[in-house]
Amino acid sequence: MSPFDPTFPPDVPDAPALATLERRGEFVWLTLERPEARNALSFPLLKRVRGLVAEIARDLSIRAVLVTGRGEKAFSAGADLKERRGMSDDRARAHVAQIQALAADLAALPQPTIAAIHGVALGGGLELALACDLRVAAADAQLGLPETSRAILPGAGGTQRLPRLIGLARAKDLILTARRIDAAEAERIGLVDRVAPPGGLAAAATHLAEAIAANGPLAVRAAKAAIDGGFDLPLAAALEHERRCWERLLGTSDRLEALAAFAEKRPPRFEGR
């Protein structure tokens, strides 16, 4: 599947109520809206969210994206196991492929993405958070990849993104034991970037999004592309990739505005041009 091409089996219904976008100035909240099922990733939910992510990719006036789940119990508990129980093997393959595709969509967004994690983030839910650029967790959050305890393995990027984030041995520890960890341990090992105080998750995630949105939007997108595109390259090739990303910014109005603002001792007014 190509990024931002939310193609689904024809029998998967449209379900607009299962996820929402809320614009807040220059960033958006993308919220999973299945609190009664701990925001489990059903086929209709995946279809709705992939459609919304495709909309975000087309709207470059959005400078940052916050991803979260409705309710107090879960960011997302992962795949909908009640739905999965009645699936054929082919249908199960298609379901996992759609979770993989949603994670790929999130990772491919040009705008920075922030997972705001509360309650549980398990299995496919944690894999979606791993596909985001940054993760902020509530103090009471619980995170884990429990798939091996269910006789499967994390199949939507968990075995690949987690080691790249926290290192091989720590990733094997979490995946092979299937254990959950709390927010404090997740921050200590680098799984989450910040832990919010009790009741302060939305504020902490918003503060981070505002700090990103205050910078030149072309520069932020280019910096993300430079980091992501160069990460797995040999150093010489990565440095060349970085140079190309830098040169795209050289003739922009935002760069000239930043220089003028510095000289005039005022905040810059970036327009994304």
Protein backbone atom coordinates (compact mmCIF):
# COMPACT_ATOMS: atom_id res chain seq x y z
CA MET A 1 0.00 0.00 0.00
CA SER A 2 1.20 3.51 -0.80
CA PRO A 3 1.19 6.18 1.92
CA PHE A 4 -1.99 8.28 2.00
CA ASP A 5 -3.92 5.82 -0.20
CA PRO A 6 -6.57 4.52 2.22
CA THR A 7 -7.94 1.68 0.07
CA PHE A 8 -10.03 -0.86 2.02
CA PRO A 9 -12.11 -3.93 1.26
CA PRO A 10 -15.49 -2.81 -0.11
CA ASP A 11 -17.43 -4.21 2.84
CA VAL A 12 -15.67 -1.93 5.37
CA PRO A 13 -18.16 0.86 6.15
CA ASP A 14 -17.41 4.55 6.43
CA ALA A 15 -17.63 5.60 10.07
CA PRO A 16 -16.96 9.34 10.49
CA ALA A 17 -17.71 9.26 14.22
CA LEU A 18 -14.80 6.91 14.95
CA ALA A 19 -12.10 9.60 14.67
CA THR A 20 -12.06 13.39 14.58
CA LEU A 21 -9.80 16.26 13.58
CA GLU A 22 -9.82 19.44 15.65
CA ARG A 23 -7.88 22.45 14.43
CA ARG A 24 -6.15 24.49 17.12
CA GLY A 25 -4.44 27.40 15.40
CA GLU A 26 -1.51 25.99 13.46
CA PHE A 27 -1.77 22.40 14.70
CA VAL A 28 -4.46 19.72 14.86
CA TRP A 29 -5.61 17.05 17.29
CA LEU A 30 -6.35 13.70 15.64
CA THR A 31 -8.45 11.74 18.14
CA LEU A 32 -9.53 8.09 18.08
CA GLU A 33 -13.18 8.04 19.16
CA ARG A 34 -13.91 4.51 20.42
CA PRO A 35 -13.57 4.92 24.18
CA GLU A 36 -16.07 2.14 24.90
CA ALA A 37 -13.63 -0.29 23.19
CA ARG A 38 -10.45 1.35 24.52
CA ASN A 39 -9.96 2.83 21.03
CA ALA A 40 -9.28 -0.60 19.56
CA LEU A 41 -8.26 -0.56 15.91
CA SER A 42 -11.22 -1.99 14.06
CA PHE A 43 -11.39 -1.97 10.27
CA PRO A 44 -13.82 1.00 10.20
CA LEU A 45 -11.66 2.99 12.64
CA LEU A 46 -8.54 2.35 10.56
CA LYS A 47 -10.37 3.44 7.41
CA ARG A 48 -11.51 6.67 9.04
CA VAL A 49 -8.10 7.53 10.51
CA ARG A 50 -6.22 6.80 7.30
CA GLY A 51 -8.60 9.12 5.47
CA LEU A 52 -7.97 11.90 7.99
CA VAL A 53 -4.20 11.43 7.81
CA ALA A 54 -4.42 11.76 4.02
CA GLU A 55 -6.25 15.09 4.53
CA ILE A 56 -3.52 16.29 6.89
CA ALA A 57 -0.82 15.40 4.36
CA ARG A 58 -2.49 17.66 1.80
CA ASP A 59 -2.87 20.65 4.15
CA LEU A 60 0.57 22.15 4.72
CA SER A 61 -0.92 25.02 6.72
CA ILE A 62 -0.98 22.43 9.53
CA ARG A 63 2.39 22.71 11.29
CA ALA A 64 2.11 19.86 13.81
CA VAL A 65 -0.19 16.91 14.51
CA LEU A 66 -1.18 15.56 17.94
CA VAL A 67 -2.54 12.00 18.03
CA THR A 68 -4.54 10.75 21.00
CA GLY A 69 -7.50 8.62 22.06
CA ARG A 70 -10.82 9.62 23.61
CA GLY A 71 -11.64 8.63 27.17
CA GLU A 72 -9.57 7.98 30.26
CA LYS A 73 -8.71 4.30 29.75
CA ALA A 74 -6.68 4.14 26.56
CA PHE A 75 -4.66 5.83 23.88
CA SER A 76 -5.38 2.60 22.03
CA ALA A 77 -5.45 -1.01 23.22
CA GLY A 78 -4.36 -2.16 19.76
CA ALA A 79 -6.13 -4.49 17.35
CA ASP A 80 -9.81 -5.18 17.99
CA LEU A 81 -9.51 -8.79 19.18
CA LYS A 82 -13.27 -9.30 19.22
CA GLU A 83 -13.35 -8.40 15.54
CA ARG A 84 -10.19 -10.42 14.87
CA ARG A 85 -11.61 -13.59 16.49
CA GLY A 86 -14.08 -14.16 13.66
CA MET A 87 -11.67 -13.36 10.82
CA SER A 88 -10.30 -15.74 8.24
CA ASP A 89 -6.53 -15.86 7.87
CA ASP A 90 -6.75 -13.67 4.76
CA ARG A 91 -8.91 -11.15 6.56
CA ALA A 92 -6.49 -11.08 9.50
CA ARG A 93 -3.62 -10.45 7.09
CA ALA A 94 -5.54 -7.55 5.57
CA HIS A 95 -6.28 -6.13 9.01
CA VAL A 96 -2.63 -6.17 10.09
CA ALA A 97 -1.67 -4.68 6.73
CA GLN A 98 -4.01 -1.76 7.40
CA ILE A 99 -2.45 -1.11 10.83
CA GLN A 100 0.96 -1.24 9.15
CA ALA A 101 -0.28 1.18 6.50
CA LEU A 102 -1.66 3.63 9.06
CA ALA A 103 1.68 3.59 10.90
CA ALA A 104 3.43 4.20 7.58
CA ASP A 105 1.03 7.08 6.84
CA LEU A 106 1.83 8.71 10.17
CA ALA A 107 5.57 8.25 9.68
CA ALA A 108 5.39 9.70 6.16
CA LEU A 109 3.54 12.89 7.12
CA PRO A 110 5.66 15.94 6.29
CA GLN A 111 4.52 17.61 9.51
CA PRO A 112 5.91 16.57 12.89
CA THR A 113 3.64 14.22 14.82
CA ILE A 114 3.24 13.88 18.58
CA ALA A 115 1.52 10.94 20.30
CA ALA A 116 -0.23 12.07 23.49
CA ILE A 117 -0.47 8.80 25.42
CA HIS A 118 -2.77 8.16 28.37
CA GLY A 119 -4.16 4.97 29.85
CA VAL A 120 -2.90 1.99 27.89
CA ALA A 121 -0.99 2.00 24.62
CA LEU A 122 -0.69 -1.66 23.73
CA GLY A 123 0.12 -3.69 20.63
CA GLY A 124 -0.97 -1.86 17.51
CA GLY A 125 -1.79 1.18 19.62
CA LEU A 126 1.82 1.46 20.76
CA GLU A 127 2.97 0.76 17.20
CA LEU A 128 1.03 3.84 16.05
CA ALA A 129 2.73 5.88 18.77
CA LEU A 130 6.11 4.52 17.65
CA ALA A 131 5.37 5.81 14.13
CA CYS A 132 5.00 9.35 15.49
CA ASP A 133 8.03 11.63 15.76
CA LEU A 134 7.62 12.32 19.48
CA ARG A 135 5.72 10.80 22.39
CA VAL A 136 4.36 12.50 25.51
CA ALA A 137 2.87 10.22 28.17
CA ALA A 138 0.58 10.82 31.11
CA ALA A 139 2.10 9.84 34.44
CA ASP A 140 -0.27 6.86 34.74
CA ALA A 141 0.20 5.53 31.19
CA GLN A 142 0.97 1.85 30.60
CA LEU A 143 2.83 0.81 27.44
CA GLY A 144 3.61 -2.59 25.99
CA LEU A 145 3.69 -5.01 23.09
CA PRO A 146 1.82 -8.07 24.43
CA GLU A 147 1.64 -10.00 21.17
CA THR A 148 3.95 -12.88 22.14
CA SER A 149 1.62 -13.64 25.06
CA ARG A 150 -1.09 -14.10 22.40
CA ALA A 151 1.09 -16.44 20.30
CA ILE A 152 1.84 -13.82 17.60
CA LEU A 153 4.39 -11.03 17.24
CA PRO A 154 4.12 -7.25 16.82
CA GLY A 155 3.37 -7.08 13.10
CA ALA A 156 2.76 -3.37 12.46
CA GLY A 157 6.30 -2.11 12.93
CA GLY A 158 6.93 -2.97 16.57
CA THR A 159 9.84 -5.33 15.94
CA GLN A 160 11.50 -2.73 13.71
CA ARG A 161 10.69 0.72 15.08
CA LEU A 162 11.13 -0.17 18.76
CA PRO A 163 14.76 -1.38 18.45
CA ARG A 164 15.62 1.70 16.42
CA LEU A 165 14.21 3.85 19.19
CA ILE A 166 15.42 2.18 22.40
CA GLY A 167 18.09 -0.29 21.28
CA LEU A 168 18.10 -3.97 20.44
CA ALA A 169 18.34 -5.55 23.89
CA ARG A 170 15.71 -3.33 25.51
CA ALA A 171 13.34 -3.95 22.60
CA LYS A 172 13.85 -7.71 22.91
CA ASP A 173 13.15 -7.45 26.63
CA LEU A 174 9.79 -5.76 26.05
CA ILE A 175 8.74 -7.87 23.08
CA LEU A 176 9.87 -11.31 24.27
CA THR A 177 8.48 -10.90 27.81
CA ALA A 178 5.29 -9.13 26.60
CA ARG A 179 5.44 -7.00 29.76
CA ARG A 180 3.93 -3.59 30.27
CA ILE A 181 5.95 -0.67 31.55
CA ASP A 182 4.86 2.56 33.20
CA ALA A 183 5.54 6.06 31.95
CA ALA A 184 8.56 6.58 34.20
CA GLU A 185 10.36 3.52 32.83
CA ALA A 186 9.29 4.40 29.30
CA GLU A 187 10.91 7.82 29.68
CA ARG A 188 14.05 6.32 31.23
CA ILE A 189 14.65 3.98 28.29
CA GLY A 190 13.70 6.56 25.66
CA LEU A 191 10.37 5.09 24.61
CA VAL A 192 8.64 8.36 25.48
CA ASP A 193 10.22 11.80 25.35
CA ARG A 194 8.32 13.52 28.14
CA VAL A 195 6.05 12.53 31.03
CA ALA A 196 3.29 14.97 31.89
CA PRO A 197 2.21 15.63 35.47
CA PRO A 198 -1.17 14.23 36.57
CA GLY A 199 -3.93 15.95 34.65
CA GLY A 200 -1.42 17.77 32.46
CA LEU A 201 -1.11 15.60 29.34
CA ALA A 202 -3.03 17.87 26.97
CA ALA A 203 -1.17 20.93 28.21
CA ALA A 204 2.25 19.26 27.90
CA ALA A 205 1.52 17.96 24.41
CA THR A 206 0.11 21.33 23.36
CA HIS A 207 3.18 23.14 24.67
CA LEU A 208 5.39 20.87 22.58
CA ALA A 209 3.25 21.38 19.47
CA GLU A 210 3.28 25.15 19.96
CA ALA A 211 7.07 25.13 20.31
CA ILE A 212 7.33 23.31 16.96
CA ALA A 213 4.67 25.45 15.23
CA ALA A 214 6.48 28.66 16.24
CA ASN A 215 9.41 27.79 13.96
CA GLY A 216 9.68 28.13 10.21
CA PRO A 217 7.30 25.50 8.79
CA LEU A 218 9.41 24.85 5.70
CA ALA A 219 12.49 24.45 7.89
CA VAL A 220 10.70 22.09 10.31
CA ARG A 221 9.49 19.87 7.47
CA ALA A 222 12.93 19.91 5.84
CA ALA A 223 14.62 19.06 9.14
CA LYS A 224 12.27 16.12 9.67
CA ALA A 225 12.97 14.93 6.12
CA ALA A 226 16.71 15.30 6.66
CA ILE A 227 16.65 13.27 9.87
CA ASP A 228 14.34 10.54 8.60
CA GLY A 229 15.90 10.26 5.15
CA GLY A 230 19.46 10.14 6.40
CA PHE A 231 19.09 7.92 9.44
CA ASP A 232 19.80 4.59 7.75
CA LEU A 233 22.32 5.91 5.20
CA PRO A 234 26.11 5.76 5.45
CA LEU A 235 27.39 9.02 6.90
CA ALA A 236 28.69 10.47 3.63
CA ALA A 237 25.36 9.83 1.88
CA ALA A 238 23.44 11.13 4.89
CA LEU A 239 25.42 14.37 4.89
CA GLU A 240 24.72 14.81 1.18
CA HIS A 241 21.02 14.26 1.86
CA GLU A 242 21.19 16.87 4.64
CA ARG A 243 22.85 19.34 2.24
CA ARG A 244 20.08 18.91 -0.32
CA CYS A 245 17.43 19.49 2.35
CA TRP A 246 19.28 22.62 3.52
CA GLU A 247 19.61 24.04 0.03
CA ARG A 248 15.85 23.84 -0.52
CA LEU A 249 15.49 26.50 2.19
CA LEU A 250 18.07 28.91 0.88
CA GLY A 251 15.80 31.03 -1.31
CA THR A 252 12.72 31.03 0.91
CA SER A 253 10.95 34.14 2.16
CA ASP A 254 10.90 32.62 5.65
CA ARG A 255 14.71 32.52 5.76
CA LEU A 256 14.90 36.21 4.80
CA GLU A 257 12.22 37.02 7.37
CA ALA A 258 14.24 35.23 10.07
CA LEU A 259 17.31 37.31 9.24
CA ALA A 260 15.29 40.54 9.23
CA ALA A 261 13.62 39.67 12.54
CA PHE A 262 16.99 38.96 14.14
CA ALA A 263 18.39 42.29 12.95
CA GLU A 264 15.29 44.17 14.12
CA LYS A 265 15.12 42.35 17.47
CA ARG A 266 11.54 41.11 17.00
CA PRO A 267 9.83 37.72 16.69
CA PRO A 268 9.77 36.40 13.11
CA ARG A 269 6.51 36.08 11.22
CA PHE A 270 6.77 32.88 9.21
CA GLU A 271 4.35 32.26 6.33
CA GLY A 272 5.66 28.98 4.95
CA ARG A 273 7.03 30.52 1.73
